Amino acid sequence: MRASYDTLFAKVKGFLNKDPYTGHLFVFINKRRTSIKCLFWDGTGFVLLCKRLERGLFHKINPMFKGEVVLSAAEFALFFEGADLEKRFIESPQEIKKSFPMRHQLPETPVSATV
């Protein structure tokens, strides 16, 4: 995989149709699944993170799923180490979105001081 900053930037914009400046981590895997490159914007410039496994392969996350895959930070760390995440979609809990009710603020009462 010879792609560098500009090539990966173009793939994110053109092929993936995403904005590279969002701060998301875009992961590219070579055909043999022995190396990956990750591109992300840190606010001051693009960062390119590369890894080639000495043994084994980067596993397919879910070969049956053809859409966009979103990993949590913990899942990406496991994937980056070469762990098999194929069962992730079966065993992982759904993302829980919580909303907390706004507290009603009491009107401020003026404090008077006597001298």
PDB file of N, CA and C in Angstrom:
ATOM      1  N   MET A   1       0.861  -1.169   0.000  1.00  0.00           N
ATOM      2  CA  MET A   1       0.000   0.000   0.000  1.00  0.00           C
ATOM      3  C   MET A   1       0.902   1.226   0.000  1.00  0.00           C
ATOM      4  N   ARG A   2       0.925   1.910  -1.108  1.00  0.00           N
ATOM      5  CA  ARG A   2       1.816   3.065  -1.266  1.00  0.00           C
ATOM      6  C   ARG A   2       1.107   4.394  -1.059  1.00  0.00           C
ATOM      7  N   ALA A   3      -0.166   4.359  -0.804  1.00  0.00           N
ATOM      8  CA  ALA A   3      -0.947   5.590  -0.674  1.00  0.00           C
ATOM      9  C   ALA A   3      -0.446   6.429   0.496  1.00  0.00           C
ATOM     10  N   SER A   4      -0.392   7.730   0.276  1.00  0.00           N
ATOM     11  CA  SER A   4       0.029   8.656   1.324  1.00  0.00           C
ATOM     12  C   SER A   4      -1.098   9.653   1.587  1.00  0.00           C
ATOM     13  N   TYR A   5      -0.750  10.761   2.204  1.00  0.00           N
ATOM     14  CA  TYR A   5      -1.742  11.741   2.632  1.00  0.00           C
ATOM     15  C   TYR A   5      -2.702  12.139   1.523  1.00  0.00           C
ATOM     16  N   ASP A   6      -2.159  12.594   0.404  1.00  0.00           N
ATOM     17  CA  ASP A   6      -2.997  13.132  -0.662  1.00  0.00           C
ATOM     18  C   ASP A   6      -3.893  12.069  -1.290  1.00  0.00           C
ATOM     19  N   THR A   7      -3.351  10.873  -1.504  1.00  0.00           N
ATOM     20  CA  THR A   7      -4.136   9.799  -2.097  1.00  0.00           C
ATOM     21  C   THR A   7      -5.265   9.372  -1.173  1.00  0.00           C
ATOM     22  N   LEU A   8      -4.965   9.207   0.110  1.00  0.00           N
ATOM     23  CA  LEU A   8      -6.001   8.808   1.066  1.00  0.00           C
ATOM     24  C   LEU A   8      -7.041   9.914   1.240  1.00  0.00           C
ATOM     25  N   PHE A   9      -6.588  11.168   1.238  1.00  0.00           N
ATOM     26  CA  PHE A   9      -7.501  12.304   1.305  1.00  0.00           C
ATOM     27  C   PHE A   9      -8.477  12.251   0.126  1.00  0.00           C
ATOM     28  N   ALA A  10      -7.953  11.998  -1.073  1.00  0.00           N
ATOM     29  CA  ALA A  10      -8.793  11.930  -2.275  1.00  0.00           C
ATOM     30  C   ALA A  10      -9.773  10.766  -2.194  1.00  0.00           C
ATOM     31  N   LYS A  11      -9.354   9.625  -1.638  1.00  0.00           N
ATOM     32  CA  LYS A  11     -10.255   8.478  -1.504  1.00  0.00           C
ATOM     33  C   LYS A  11     -11.385   8.774  -0.520  1.00  0.00           C
ATOM     34  N   VAL A  12     -11.064   9.470   0.565  1.00  0.00           N
ATOM     35  CA  VAL A  12     -12.095   9.820   1.544  1.00  0.00           C
ATOM     36  C   VAL A  12     -13.123  10.749   0.899  1.00  0.00           C
ATOM     37  N   LYS A  13     -12.649  11.757   0.169  1.00  0.00           N
ATOM     38  CA  LYS A  13     -13.570  12.711  -0.460  1.00  0.00           C
ATOM     39  C   LYS A  13     -14.316  12.109  -1.636  1.00  0.00           C
ATOM     40  N   GLY A  14     -13.607  11.410  -2.514  1.00  0.00           N
ATOM     41  CA  GLY A  14     -14.206  10.924  -3.745  1.00  0.00           C
ATOM     42  C   GLY A  14     -14.967   9.623  -3.591  1.00  0.00           C
ATOM     43  N   PHE A  15     -14.289   8.587  -3.140  1.00  0.00           N
ATOM     44  CA  PHE A  15     -14.892   7.255  -3.079  1.00  0.00           C
ATOM     45  C   PHE A  15     -15.854   7.117  -1.904  1.00  0.00           C
ATOM     46  N   LEU A  16     -15.425   7.561  -0.718  1.00  0.00           N
ATOM     47  CA  LEU A  16     -16.270   7.433   0.471  1.00  0.00           C
ATOM     48  C   LEU A  16     -17.286   8.561   0.595  1.00  0.00           C
ATOM     49  N   ASN A  17     -17.050   9.657  -0.127  1.00  0.00           N
ATOM     50  CA  ASN A  17     -17.940  10.816  -0.102  1.00  0.00           C
ATOM     51  C   ASN A  17     -18.109  11.361   1.325  1.00  0.00           C
ATOM     52  N   LYS A  18     -17.009  11.461   2.045  1.00  0.00           N
ATOM     53  CA  LYS A  18     -16.998  11.979   3.415  1.00  0.00           C
ATOM     54  C   LYS A  18     -16.084  13.186   3.494  1.00  0.00           C
ATOM     55  N   ASP A  19     -16.226  13.957   4.561  1.00  0.00           N
ATOM     56  CA  ASP A  19     -15.379  15.119   4.799  1.00  0.00           C
ATOM     57  C   ASP A  19     -14.181  14.688   5.635  1.00  0.00           C
ATOM     58  N   PRO A  20     -12.962  14.750   5.101  1.00  0.00           N
ATOM     59  CA  PRO A  20     -11.782  14.318   5.857  1.00  0.00           C
ATOM     60  C   PRO A  20     -11.472  15.199   7.062  1.00  0.00           C
ATOM     61  N   TYR A  21     -12.028  16.400   7.118  1.00  0.00           N
ATOM     62  CA  TYR A  21     -11.739  17.334   8.203  1.00  0.00           C
ATOM     63  C   TYR A  21     -12.632  17.132   9.429  1.00  0.00           C
ATOM     64  N   THR A  22     -13.423  16.082   9.473  1.00  0.00           N
ATOM     65  CA  THR A  22     -14.341  15.872  10.591  1.00  0.00           C
ATOM     66  C   THR A  22     -13.653  15.385  11.854  1.00  0.00           C
ATOM     67  N   GLY A  23     -12.447  14.846  11.728  1.00  0.00           N
ATOM     68  CA  GLY A  23     -11.779  14.273  12.893  1.00  0.00           C
ATOM     69  C   GLY A  23     -12.028  12.785  13.026  1.00  0.00           C
ATOM     70  N   HIS A  24     -12.791  12.203  12.102  1.00  0.00           N
ATOM     71  CA  HIS A  24     -12.996  10.759  12.106  1.00  0.00           C
ATOM     72  C   HIS A  24     -11.722  10.066  11.651  1.00  0.00           C
ATOM     73  N   LEU A  25     -11.562   8.846  12.071  1.00  0.00           N
ATOM     74  CA  LEU A  25     -10.416   8.032  11.682  1.00  0.00           C
ATOM     75  C   LEU A  25     -10.849   7.158  10.512  1.00  0.00           C
ATOM     76  N   PHE A  26     -10.231   7.352   9.359  1.00  0.00           N
ATOM     77  CA  PHE A  26     -10.554   6.580   8.165  1.00  0.00           C
ATOM     78  C   PHE A  26      -9.499   5.496   8.014  1.00  0.00           C
ATOM     79  N   VAL A  27      -9.948   4.233   7.973  1.00  0.00           N
ATOM     80  CA  VAL A  27      -9.042   3.090   7.960  1.00  0.00           C
ATOM     81  C   VAL A  27      -9.047   2.450   6.578  1.00  0.00           C
ATOM     82  N   PHE A  28      -7.857   2.225   6.044  1.00  0.00           N
ATOM     83  CA  PHE A  28      -7.680   1.587   4.742  1.00  0.00           C
ATOM     84  C   PHE A  28      -6.835   0.334   4.933  1.00  0.00           C
ATOM     85  N   ILE A  29      -7.317  -0.790   4.396  1.00  0.00           N
ATOM     86  CA  ILE A  29      -6.645  -2.075   4.545  1.00  0.00           C
ATOM     87  C   ILE A  29      -6.199  -2.546   3.168  1.00  0.00           C
ATOM     88  N   ASN A  30      -4.974  -3.087   3.076  1.00  0.00           N
ATOM     89  CA  ASN A  30      -4.521  -3.583   1.781  1.00  0.00           C
ATOM     90  C   ASN A  30      -5.234  -4.881   1.424  1.00  0.00           C
ATOM     91  N   LYS A  31      -5.102  -5.309   0.179  1.00  0.00           N
ATOM     92  CA  LYS A  31      -5.830  -6.477  -0.325  1.00  0.00           C
ATOM     93  C   LYS A  31      -5.473  -7.753   0.428  1.00  0.00           C
ATOM     94  N   ARG A  32      -4.205  -7.905   0.812  1.00  0.00           N
ATOM     95  CA  ARG A  32      -3.777  -9.109   1.537  1.00  0.00           C
ATOM     96  C   ARG A  32      -4.111  -9.044   3.026  1.00  0.00           C
ATOM     97  N   ARG A  33      -4.608  -7.890   3.497  1.00  0.00           N
ATOM     98  CA  ARG A  33      -4.989  -7.650   4.904  1.00  0.00           C
ATOM     99  C   ARG A  33      -3.805  -7.806   5.860  1.00  0.00           C
ATOM    100  N   THR A  34      -2.606  -7.435   5.392  1.00  0.00           N
ATOM    101  CA  THR A  34      -1.430  -7.499   6.260  1.00  0.00           C
ATOM    102  C   THR A  34      -1.043  -6.130   6.790  1.00  0.00           C
ATOM    103  N   SER A  35      -1.535  -5.067   6.165  1.00  0.00           N
ATOM    104  CA  SER A  35      -1.199  -3.725   6.648  1.00  0.00           C
ATOM    105  C   SER A  35      -2.402  -2.793   6.518  1.00  0.00           C
ATOM    106  N   ILE A  36      -2.402  -1.794   7.395  1.00  0.00           N
ATOM    107  CA  ILE A  36      -3.464  -0.787   7.359  1.00  0.00           C
ATOM    108  C   ILE A  36      -2.852   0.599   7.465  1.00  0.00           C
ATOM    109  N   LYS A  37      -3.576   1.566   6.958  1.00  0.00           N
ATOM    110  CA  LYS A  37      -3.231   2.977   7.122  1.00  0.00           C
ATOM    111  C   LYS A  37      -4.479   3.694   7.598  1.00  0.00           C
ATOM    112  N   CYS A  38      -4.289   4.587   8.535  1.00  0.00           N
ATOM    113  CA  CYS A  38      -5.397   5.360   9.096  1.00  0.00           C
ATOM    114  C   CYS A  38      -5.096   6.836   8.881  1.00  0.00           C
ATOM    115  N   LEU A  39      -6.078   7.556   8.402  1.00  0.00           N
ATOM    116  CA  LEU A  39      -5.941   8.984   8.155  1.00  0.00           C
ATOM    117  C   LEU A  39      -6.937   9.728   9.019  1.00  0.00           C
ATOM    118  N   PHE A  40      -6.458  10.740   9.744  1.00  0.00           N
ATOM    119  CA  PHE A  40      -7.392  11.606  10.459  1.00  0.00           C
ATOM    120  C   PHE A  40      -6.818  13.001  10.616  1.00  0.00           C
ATOM    121  N   TRP A  41      -7.717  13.941  10.787  1.00  0.00           N
ATOM    122  CA  TRP A  41      -7.399  15.359  10.953  1.00  0.00           C
ATOM    123  C   TRP A  41      -7.415  15.660  12.438  1.00  0.00           C
ATOM    124  N   ASP A  42      -6.316  16.183  12.981  1.00  0.00           N
ATOM    125  CA  ASP A  42      -6.258  16.468  14.422  1.00  0.00           C
ATOM    126  C   ASP A  42      -6.479  17.935  14.747  1.00  0.00           C
ATOM    127  N   GLY A  43      -6.849  18.723  13.759  1.00  0.00           N
ATOM    128  CA  GLY A  43      -7.106  20.142  13.986  1.00  0.00           C
ATOM    129  C   GLY A  43      -5.965  21.014  13.495  1.00  0.00           C
ATOM    130  N   THR A  44      -4.768  20.454  13.398  1.00  0.00           N
ATOM    131  CA  THR A  44      -3.626  21.225  12.914  1.00  0.00           C
ATOM    132  C   THR A  44      -3.050  20.644  11.625  1.00  0.00           C
ATOM    133  N   GLY A  45      -3.417  19.422  11.310  1.00  0.00           N
ATOM    134  CA  GLY A  45      -2.916  18.767  10.103  1.00  0.00           C
ATOM    135  C   GLY A  45      -3.388  17.332  10.060  1.00  0.00           C
ATOM    136  N   PHE A  46      -3.056  16.662   8.980  1.00  0.00           N
ATOM    137  CA  PHE A  46      -3.433  15.264   8.834  1.00  0.00           C
ATOM    138  C   PHE A  46      -2.392  14.372   9.486  1.00  0.00           C
ATOM    139  N   VAL A  47      -2.879  13.313  10.101  1.00  0.00           N
ATOM    140  CA  VAL A  47      -2.029  12.320  10.748  1.00  0.00           C
ATOM    141  C   VAL A  47      -2.229  11.011  10.007  1.00  0.00           C
ATOM    142  N   LEU A  48      -1.130  10.358   9.706  1.00  0.00           N
ATOM    143  CA  LEU A  48      -1.161   9.072   9.024  1.00  0.00           C
ATOM    144  C   LEU A  48      -0.579   8.031   9.962  1.00  0.00           C
ATOM    145  N   LEU A  49      -1.388   7.044  10.306  1.00  0.00           N
ATOM    146  CA  LEU A  49      -0.991   5.976  11.217  1.00  0.00           C
ATOM    147  C   LEU A  49      -0.927   4.694  10.402  1.00  0.00           C
ATOM    148  N   CYS A  50       0.216   4.024  10.423  1.00  0.00           N
ATOM    149  CA  CYS A  50       0.412   2.828   9.604  1.00  0.00           C
ATOM    150  C   CYS A  50       0.835   1.659  10.482  1.00  0.00           C
ATOM    151  N   LYS A  51       0.390   0.462  10.096  1.00  0.00           N
ATOM    152  CA  LYS A  51       0.816  -0.738  10.817  1.00  0.00           C
ATOM    153  C   LYS A  51       0.837  -1.910   9.860  1.00  0.00           C
ATOM    154  N   ARG A  52       1.919  -2.705   9.948  1.00  0.00           N
ATOM    155  CA  ARG A  52       2.033  -3.954   9.202  1.00  0.00           C
ATOM    156  C   ARG A  52       2.243  -5.066  10.215  1.00  0.00           C
ATOM    157  N   LEU A  53       1.378  -6.069  10.166  1.00  0.00           N
ATOM    158  CA  LEU A  53       1.497  -7.182  11.089  1.00  0.00           C
ATOM    159  C   LEU A  53       2.645  -8.091  10.664  1.00  0.00           C
ATOM    160  N   GLU A  54       3.434  -8.528  11.622  1.00  0.00           N
ATOM    161  CA  GLU A  54       4.518  -9.466  11.340  1.00  0.00           C
ATOM    162  C   GLU A  54       3.968 -10.861  11.069  1.00  0.00           C
ATOM    163  N   ARG A  55       2.921 -11.240  11.803  1.00  0.00           N
ATOM    164  CA  ARG A  55       2.264 -12.549  11.613  1.00  0.00           C
ATOM    165  C   ARG A  55       0.764 -12.329  11.597  1.00  0.00           C
ATOM    166  N   GLY A  56       0.092 -13.143  10.841  1.00  0.00           N
ATOM    167  CA  GLY A  56      -1.368 -13.079  10.822  1.00  0.00           C
ATOM    168  C   GLY A  56      -1.894 -11.995   9.905  1.00  0.00           C
ATOM    169  N   LEU A  57      -3.203 -11.814   9.977  1.00  0.00           N
ATOM    170  CA  LEU A  57      -3.896 -10.867   9.116  1.00  0.00           C
ATOM    171  C   LEU A  57      -4.827  -9.991   9.947  1.00  0.00           C
ATOM    172  N   PHE A  58      -5.141  -8.833   9.409  1.00  0.00           N
ATOM    173  CA  PHE A  58      -6.224  -8.044   9.979  1.00  0.00           C
ATOM    174  C   PHE A  58      -7.514  -8.719   9.549  1.00  0.00           C
ATOM    175  N   HIS A  59      -8.360  -9.036  10.502  1.00  0.00           N
ATOM    176  CA  HIS A  59      -9.589  -9.759  10.205  1.00  0.00           C
ATOM    177  C   HIS A  59     -10.626  -8.835   9.587  1.00  0.00           C
ATOM    178  N   LYS A  60     -11.502  -9.432   8.803  1.00  0.00           N
ATOM    179  CA  LYS A  60     -12.638  -8.678   8.282  1.00  0.00           C
ATOM    180  C   LYS A  60     -13.595  -8.461   9.440  1.00  0.00           C
ATOM    181  N   ILE A  61     -14.095  -7.263   9.574  1.00  0.00           N
ATOM    182  CA  ILE A  61     -14.954  -6.950  10.714  1.00  0.00           C
ATOM    183  C   ILE A  61     -16.287  -7.657  10.582  1.00  0.00           C
ATOM    184  N   ASN A  62     -16.915  -7.576   9.448  1.00  0.00           N
ATOM    185  CA  ASN A  62     -18.139  -8.325   9.189  1.00  0.00           C
ATOM    186  C   ASN A  62     -18.254  -8.472   7.680  1.00  0.00           C
ATOM    187  N   PRO A  63     -17.819  -9.608   7.137  1.00  0.00           N
ATOM    188  CA  PRO A  63     -17.807  -9.759   5.685  1.00  0.00           C
ATOM    189  C   PRO A  63     -19.186  -9.698   5.044  1.00  0.00           C
ATOM    190  N   MET A  64     -20.248  -9.954   5.796  1.00  0.00           N
ATOM    191  CA  MET A  64     -21.596  -9.932   5.240  1.00  0.00           C
ATOM    192  C   MET A  64     -22.172  -8.519   5.166  1.00  0.00           C
ATOM    193  N   PHE A  65     -21.572  -7.571   5.900  1.00  0.00           N
ATOM    194  CA  PHE A  65     -22.078  -6.202   5.965  1.00  0.00           C
ATOM    195  C   PHE A  65     -21.315  -5.352   4.960  1.00  0.00           C
ATOM    196  N   LYS A  66     -22.001  -4.768   4.009  1.00  0.00           N
ATOM    197  CA  LYS A  66     -21.350  -3.998   2.950  1.00  0.00           C
ATOM    198  C   LYS A  66     -21.359  -2.495   3.212  1.00  0.00           C
ATOM    199  N   GLY A  67     -21.990  -2.057   4.280  1.00  0.00           N
ATOM    200  CA  GLY A  67     -22.094  -0.627   4.550  1.00  0.00           C
ATOM    201  C   GLY A  67     -20.927  -0.094   5.357  1.00  0.00           C
ATOM    202  N   GLU A  68     -21.113   1.106   5.840  1.00  0.00           N
ATOM    203  CA  GLU A  68     -20.105   1.785   6.654  1.00  0.00           C
ATOM    204  C   GLU A  68     -20.048   1.150   8.036  1.00  0.00           C
ATOM    205  N   VAL A  69     -18.849   0.910   8.529  1.00  0.00           N
ATOM    206  CA  VAL A  69     -18.665   0.294   9.833  1.00  0.00           C
ATOM    207  C   VAL A  69     -18.109   1.347  10.786  1.00  0.00           C
ATOM    208  N   VAL A  70     -18.737   1.487  11.933  1.00  0.00           N
ATOM    209  CA  VAL A  70     -18.288   2.434  12.945  1.00  0.00           C
ATOM    210  C   VAL A  70     -17.834   1.632  14.159  1.00  0.00           C
ATOM    211  N   LEU A  71     -16.591   1.859  14.568  1.00  0.00           N
ATOM    212  CA  LEU A  71     -16.032   1.163  15.723  1.00  0.00           C
ATOM    213  C   LEU A  71     -15.884   2.127  16.887  1.00  0.00           C
ATOM    214  N   SER A  72     -16.041   1.605  18.086  1.00  0.00           N
ATOM    215  CA  SER A  72     -15.729   2.408  19.268  1.00  0.00           C
ATOM    216  C   SER A  72     -14.210   2.463  19.399  1.00  0.00           C
ATOM    217  N   ALA A  73     -13.721   3.304  20.274  1.00  0.00           N
ATOM    218  CA  ALA A  73     -12.273   3.414  20.473  1.00  0.00           C
ATOM    219  C   ALA A  73     -11.693   2.096  20.967  1.00  0.00           C
ATOM    220  N   ALA A  74     -12.405   1.406  21.854  1.00  0.00           N
ATOM    221  CA  ALA A  74     -11.928   0.123  22.375  1.00  0.00           C
ATOM    222  C   ALA A  74     -11.905  -0.937  21.276  1.00  0.00           C
ATOM    223  N   GLU A  75     -12.942  -0.952  20.423  1.00  0.00           N
ATOM    224  CA  GLU A  75     -12.980  -1.922  19.334  1.00  0.00           C
ATOM    225  C   GLU A  75     -11.877  -1.658  18.316  1.00  0.00           C
ATOM    226  N   PHE A  76     -11.631  -0.378  18.029  1.00  0.00           N
ATOM    227  CA  PHE A  76     -10.547  -0.067  17.098  1.00  0.00           C
ATOM    228  C   PHE A  76      -9.205  -0.495  17.673  1.00  0.00           C
ATOM    229  N   ALA A  77      -8.997  -0.290  18.967  1.00  0.00           N
ATOM    230  CA  ALA A  77      -7.736  -0.708  19.593  1.00  0.00           C
ATOM    231  C   ALA A  77      -7.540  -2.211  19.459  1.00  0.00           C
ATOM    232  N   LEU A  78      -8.604  -2.981  19.652  1.00  0.00           N
ATOM    233  CA  LEU A  78      -8.516  -4.435  19.473  1.00  0.00           C
ATOM    234  C   LEU A  78      -8.222  -4.787  18.017  1.00  0.00           C
ATOM    235  N   PHE A  79      -8.919  -4.138  17.100  1.00  0.00           N
ATOM    236  CA  PHE A  79      -8.702  -4.383  15.677  1.00  0.00           C
ATOM    237  C   PHE A  79      -7.263  -4.054  15.281  1.00  0.00           C
ATOM    238  N   PHE A  80      -6.747  -2.943  15.798  1.00  0.00           N
ATOM    239  CA  PHE A  80      -5.391  -2.485  15.482  1.00  0.00           C
ATOM    240  C   PHE A  80      -4.344  -3.483  15.975  1.00  0.00           C
ATOM    241  N   GLU A  81      -4.672  -4.215  17.029  1.00  0.00           N
ATOM    242  CA  GLU A  81      -3.772  -5.246  17.548  1.00  0.00           C
ATOM    243  C   GLU A  81      -3.918  -6.566  16.809  1.00  0.00           C
ATOM    244  N   GLY A  82      -4.897  -6.671  15.909  1.00  0.00           N
ATOM    245  CA  GLY A  82      -5.076  -7.882  15.130  1.00  0.00           C
ATOM    246  C   GLY A  82      -6.164  -8.802  15.636  1.00  0.00           C
ATOM    247  N   ALA A  83      -6.991  -8.340  16.556  1.00  0.00           N
ATOM    248  CA  ALA A  83      -8.058  -9.173  17.115  1.00  0.00           C
ATOM    249  C   ALA A  83      -9.163  -9.400  16.082  1.00  0.00           C
ATOM    250  N   ASP A  84      -9.887 -10.491  16.245  1.00  0.00           N
ATOM    251  CA  ASP A  84     -10.994 -10.838  15.357  1.00  0.00           C
ATOM    252  C   ASP A  84     -12.274 -10.211  15.906  1.00  0.00           C
ATOM    253  N   LEU A  85     -12.862  -9.299  15.143  1.00  0.00           N
ATOM    254  CA  LEU A  85     -14.086  -8.619  15.560  1.00  0.00           C
ATOM    255  C   LEU A  85     -15.296  -9.085  14.754  1.00  0.00           C
ATOM    256  N   GLU A  86     -15.226 -10.260  14.154  1.00  0.00           N
ATOM    257  CA  GLU A  86     -16.322 -10.720  13.293  1.00  0.00           C
ATOM    258  C   GLU A  86     -17.620 -10.879  14.058  1.00  0.00           C
ATOM    259  N   LYS A  87     -17.561 -11.276  15.312  1.00  0.00           N
ATOM    260  CA  LYS A  87     -18.776 -11.458  16.106  1.00  0.00           C
ATOM    261  C   LYS A  87     -19.274 -10.151  16.712  1.00  0.00           C
ATOM    262  N   ARG A  88     -18.589  -9.084  16.446  1.00  0.00           N
ATOM    263  CA  ARG A  88     -18.914  -7.797  17.061  1.00  0.00           C
ATOM    264  C   ARG A  88     -20.372  -7.417  16.866  1.00  0.00           C
ATOM    265  N   PHE A  89     -20.909  -7.618  15.679  1.00  0.00           N
ATOM    266  CA  PHE A  89     -22.273  -7.188  15.386  1.00  0.00           C
ATOM    267  C   PHE A  89     -23.299  -8.076  16.061  1.00  0.00           C
ATOM    268  N   ILE A  90     -22.893  -9.266  16.464  1.00  0.00           N
ATOM    269  CA  ILE A  90     -23.815 -10.179  17.128  1.00  0.00           C
ATOM    270  C   ILE A  90     -23.793  -9.954  18.633  1.00  0.00           C
ATOM    271  N   GLU A  91     -22.612  -9.833  19.203  1.00  0.00           N
ATOM    272  CA  GLU A  91     -22.476  -9.812  20.651  1.00  0.00           C
ATOM    273  C   GLU A  91     -22.411  -8.420  21.267  1.00  0.00           C
ATOM    274  N   SER A  92     -22.094  -7.399  20.491  1.00  0.00           N
ATOM    275  CA  SER A  92     -21.977  -6.059  21.052  1.00  0.00           C
ATOM    276  C   SER A  92     -23.356  -5.490  21.362  1.00  0.00           C
ATOM    277  N   PRO A  93     -23.488  -4.823  22.492  1.00  0.00           N
ATOM    278  CA  PRO A  93     -24.775  -4.189  22.784  1.00  0.00           C
ATOM    279  C   PRO A  93     -24.982  -2.990  21.871  1.00  0.00           C
ATOM    280  N   GLN A  94     -26.224  -2.676  21.643  1.00  0.00           N
ATOM    281  CA  GLN A  94     -26.546  -1.505  20.849  1.00  0.00           C
ATOM    282  C   GLN A  94     -26.098  -0.259  21.601  1.00  0.00           C
ATOM    283  N   GLU A  95     -25.779   0.766  20.852  1.00  0.00           N
ATOM    284  CA  GLU A  95     -25.385   2.022  21.461  1.00  0.00           C
ATOM    285  C   GLU A  95     -26.564   2.583  22.246  1.00  0.00           C
ATOM    286  N   ILE A  96     -26.301   2.981  23.460  1.00  0.00           N
ATOM    287  CA  ILE A  96     -27.349   3.517  24.313  1.00  0.00           C
ATOM    288  C   ILE A  96     -27.251   5.032  24.296  1.00  0.00           C
ATOM    289  N   LYS A  97     -28.327   5.647  23.896  1.00  0.00           N
ATOM    290  CA  LYS A  97     -28.365   7.108  23.891  1.00  0.00           C
ATOM    291  C   LYS A  97     -29.248   7.542  25.043  1.00  0.00           C
ATOM    292  N   LYS A  98     -28.664   8.270  25.937  1.00  0.00           N
ATOM    293  CA  LYS A  98     -29.412   8.743  27.092  1.00  0.00           C
ATOM    294  C   LYS A  98     -29.635  10.239  26.956  1.00  0.00           C
ATOM    295  N   SER A  99     -30.773  10.642  27.371  1.00  0.00           N
ATOM    296  CA  SER A  99     -31.027  12.070  27.432  1.00  0.00           C
ATOM    297  C   SER A  99     -31.443  12.396  28.859  1.00  0.00           C
ATOM    298  N   PHE A 100     -30.887  13.423  29.350  1.00  0.00           N
ATOM    299  CA  PHE A 100     -31.173  13.844  30.707  1.00  0.00           C
ATOM    300  C   PHE A 100     -32.064  15.078  30.659  1.00  0.00           C
ATOM    301  N   PRO A 101     -33.121  15.071  31.465  1.00  0.00           N
ATOM    302  CA  PRO A 101     -34.011  16.241  31.449  1.00  0.00           C
ATOM    303  C   PRO A 101     -33.267  17.461  32.003  1.00  0.00           C
ATOM    304  N   MET A 102     -33.612  18.598  31.429  1.00  0.00           N
ATOM    305  CA  MET A 102     -33.003  19.844  31.897  1.00  0.00           C
ATOM    306  C   MET A 102     -33.571  20.186  33.268  1.00  0.00           C
ATOM    307  N   ARG A 103     -32.708  20.605  34.125  1.00  0.00           N
ATOM    308  CA  ARG A 103     -33.160  21.038  35.446  1.00  0.00           C
ATOM    309  C   ARG A 103     -33.770  22.419  35.323  1.00  0.00           C
ATOM    310  N   HIS A 104     -34.853  22.585  35.997  1.00  0.00           N
ATOM    311  CA  HIS A 104     -35.459  23.913  36.012  1.00  0.00           C
ATOM    312  C   HIS A 104     -34.700  24.750  37.016  1.00  0.00           C
ATOM    313  N   GLN A 105     -34.211  25.859  36.547  1.00  0.00           N
ATOM    314  CA  GLN A 105     -33.465  26.723  37.444  1.00  0.00           C
ATOM    315  C   GLN A 105     -34.433  27.632  38.181  1.00  0.00           C
ATOM    316  N   LEU A 106     -34.186  27.730  39.450  1.00  0.00           N
ATOM    317  CA  LEU A 106     -34.997  28.614  40.268  1.00  0.00           C
ATOM    318  C   LEU A 106     -34.566  30.050  40.007  1.00  0.00           C
ATOM    319  N   PRO A 107     -35.501  30.965  40.051  1.00  0.00           N
ATOM    320  CA  PRO A 107     -35.125  32.367  39.841  1.00  0.00           C
ATOM    321  C   PRO A 107     -34.211  32.809  40.986  1.00  0.00           C
ATOM    322  N   GLU A 108     -33.226  33.574  40.613  1.00  0.00           N
ATOM    323  CA  GLU A 108     -32.292  34.056  41.632  1.00  0.00           C
ATOM    324  C   GLU A 108     -32.990  35.081  42.502  1.00  0.00           C
ATOM    325  N   THR A 109     -32.782  34.926  43.794  1.00  0.00           N
ATOM    326  CA  THR A 109     -33.353  35.884  44.727  1.00  0.00           C
ATOM    327  C   THR A 109     -32.246  36.846  45.128  1.00  0.00           C
ATOM    328  N   PRO A 110     -32.559  38.137  45.095  1.00  0.00           N
ATOM    329  CA  PRO A 110     -31.513  39.095  45.451  1.00  0.00           C
ATOM    330  C   PRO A 110     -31.163  38.957  46.934  1.00  0.00           C
ATOM    331  N   VAL A 111     -29.899  39.085  47.194  1.00  0.00           N
ATOM    332  CA  VAL A 111     -29.409  39.006  48.567  1.00  0.00           C
ATOM    333  C   VAL A 111     -29.150  40.424  49.031  1.00  0.00           C
ATOM    334  N   SER A 112     -29.771  40.781  50.131  1.00  0.00           N
ATOM    335  CA  SER A 112     -29.530  42.133  50.641  1.00  0.00           C
ATOM    336  C   SER A 112     -28.619  42.043  51.845  1.00  0.00           C
ATOM    337  N   ALA A 113     -27.732  42.958  51.891  1.00  0.00           N
ATOM    338  CA  ALA A 113     -26.789  42.994  53.012  1.00  0.00           C
ATOM    339  C   ALA A 113     -27.070  44.266  53.816  1.00  0.00           C
ATOM    340  N   THR A 114     -27.053  44.132  55.110  1.00  0.00           N
ATOM    341  CA  THR A 114     -27.252  45.290  55.971  1.00  0.00           C
ATOM    342  C   THR A 114     -25.904  45.693  56.553  1.00  0.00           C
ATOM    343  N   VAL A 115     -25.696  46.980  56.582  1.00  0.00           N
ATOM    344  CA  VAL A 115     -24.428  47.482  57.084  1.00  0.00           C
ATOM    345  C   VAL A 115     -24.612  48.069  58.460  1.00  0.00           C
TER     346      VAL A 115
END
